[in-house]
Amino acid sequence: MRLFFTLRKFVISFLARPTRVFIVCLLVVVVNMIFKGGLLEILNLNQNLKKVKVQQSELKQKIENIDMKILRASDPNYLELEVLNRFDLAQEGDLIFVFSDVQSH
């Protein structure tokens, strides 16, 4: 019983100052945020936001590349070069080199 009264006296004297009450309340809020997952959830969401921004910039770059290809596709010279390169074709008058893999003994 004596311990109870001593503890009660200590708590009353400790809480007599508003700054101490504020610090205790602040600690309770911080501990609550940590254990309830609110703070960890905010940190997770922040990391996810950074990942999404990186993906967004990559997609914007891909869209720009595709737009450039679409613009070039309307140019007949580009189309001709693309067909020649893609299907390993040659135009009339082009010089063609043929290399053989045969080794002489």
Protein backbone atom coordinates (compact mmCIF):
# COMPACT_ATOMS: atom_id res chain seq x y z
CA MET A 1 0.00 0.00 0.00
CA ARG A 2 2.86 2.29 0.81
CA LEU A 3 4.35 1.67 -2.63
CA PHE A 4 1.06 2.71 -4.22
CA PHE A 5 1.03 6.04 -2.37
CA THR A 6 4.68 6.68 -3.22
CA LEU A 7 4.03 5.94 -6.86
CA ARG A 8 0.93 8.10 -6.86
CA LYS A 9 2.85 11.01 -5.36
CA PHE A 10 5.57 10.62 -7.99
CA VAL A 11 3.07 10.60 -10.85
CA ILE A 12 1.25 13.67 -9.54
CA SER A 13 4.48 15.61 -9.10
CA PHE A 14 5.72 14.47 -12.50
CA LEU A 15 2.53 15.55 -14.26
CA ALA A 16 2.42 18.90 -12.47
CA ARG A 17 4.49 20.49 -15.26
CA PRO A 18 2.82 21.00 -18.67
CA THR A 19 6.04 20.35 -20.59
CA ARG A 20 6.32 16.89 -19.05
CA VAL A 21 2.69 16.14 -19.90
CA PHE A 22 3.35 17.24 -23.48
CA ILE A 23 6.44 15.01 -23.74
CA VAL A 24 4.54 12.01 -22.37
CA CYS A 25 1.68 12.60 -24.82
CA LEU A 26 4.14 12.97 -27.68
CA LEU A 27 5.84 9.71 -26.73
CA VAL A 28 2.49 7.94 -26.59
CA VAL A 29 1.60 9.22 -30.07
CA VAL A 30 4.96 8.20 -31.56
CA VAL A 31 4.84 4.74 -30.00
CA ASN A 32 1.25 4.32 -31.19
CA MET A 33 2.19 5.29 -34.74
CA ILE A 34 5.10 2.87 -34.78
CA PHE A 35 3.24 -0.11 -33.36
CA LYS A 36 -0.02 0.47 -35.21
CA GLY A 37 1.93 0.61 -38.46
CA GLY A 38 0.98 4.13 -39.45
CA LEU A 39 4.55 5.39 -39.61
CA LEU A 40 5.79 2.28 -41.39
CA GLU A 41 2.91 2.51 -43.84
CA ILE A 42 3.80 6.12 -44.64
CA LEU A 43 7.41 5.14 -45.29
CA ASN A 44 6.26 2.26 -47.53
CA LEU A 45 3.97 4.55 -49.47
CA ASN A 46 6.80 7.04 -49.92
CA GLN A 47 9.04 4.31 -51.39
CA ASN A 48 6.22 3.15 -53.67
CA LEU A 49 5.72 6.72 -54.86
CA LYS A 50 9.39 6.97 -55.83
CA LYS A 51 9.16 3.68 -57.77
CA VAL A 52 6.04 4.85 -59.58
CA LYS A 53 7.73 8.14 -60.54
CA VAL A 54 10.69 6.23 -62.00
CA GLN A 55 8.34 3.97 -63.96
CA GLN A 56 6.42 7.02 -65.15
CA SER A 57 9.55 8.69 -66.51
CA GLU A 58 10.60 5.44 -68.24
CA LEU A 59 7.17 5.16 -69.86
CA LYS A 60 7.32 8.78 -71.00
CA GLN A 61 10.67 8.05 -72.66
CA LYS A 62 9.24 4.97 -74.38
CA ILE A 63 6.25 7.00 -75.61
CA GLU A 64 8.59 9.64 -77.04
CA ASN A 65 10.58 6.93 -78.85
CA ILE A 66 7.41 5.41 -80.30
CA ASP A 67 6.19 8.85 -81.40
CA MET A 68 9.50 9.43 -83.19
CA LYS A 69 9.17 6.07 -84.95
CA ILE A 70 5.64 6.97 -86.03
CA LEU A 71 6.86 10.29 -87.45
CA ARG A 72 9.70 8.56 -89.29
CA ALA A 73 7.34 5.90 -90.66
CA SER A 74 5.69 8.50 -92.88
CA ASP A 75 9.04 9.18 -94.61
CA PRO A 76 9.48 6.92 -97.69
CA ASN A 77 13.30 7.05 -97.47
CA TYR A 78 13.22 5.80 -93.90
CA LEU A 79 10.81 3.02 -94.83
CA GLU A 80 13.08 1.93 -97.67
CA LEU A 81 16.15 1.84 -95.40
CA GLU A 82 14.24 -0.03 -92.72
CA VAL A 83 13.06 -2.70 -95.17
CA LEU A 84 16.56 -3.09 -96.60
CA ASN A 85 18.12 -3.49 -93.16
CA ARG A 86 15.44 -5.68 -91.66
CA PHE A 87 15.30 -8.22 -94.49
CA ASP A 88 19.00 -8.03 -95.49
CA LEU A 89 18.18 -6.79 -98.96
CA ALA A 90 20.31 -4.72 -101.33
CA GLN A 91 19.47 -2.10 -103.90
CA GLU A 92 20.55 -2.17 -107.49
CA GLY A 93 24.16 -1.05 -107.74
CA ASP A 94 25.05 -1.91 -104.11
CA LEU A 95 28.31 -3.76 -103.54
CA ILE A 96 27.82 -7.08 -101.72
CA PHE A 97 30.60 -8.90 -99.89
CA VAL A 98 30.34 -12.66 -99.36
CA PHE A 99 32.53 -14.28 -96.72
CA SER A 100 32.89 -18.02 -96.50
CA ASP A 101 33.58 -20.02 -93.36
CA VAL A 102 35.58 -22.69 -95.21
CA GLN A 103 39.09 -23.15 -93.85
CA SER A 104 41.89 -24.47 -96.07
CA HIS A 105 44.16 -27.23 -94.73
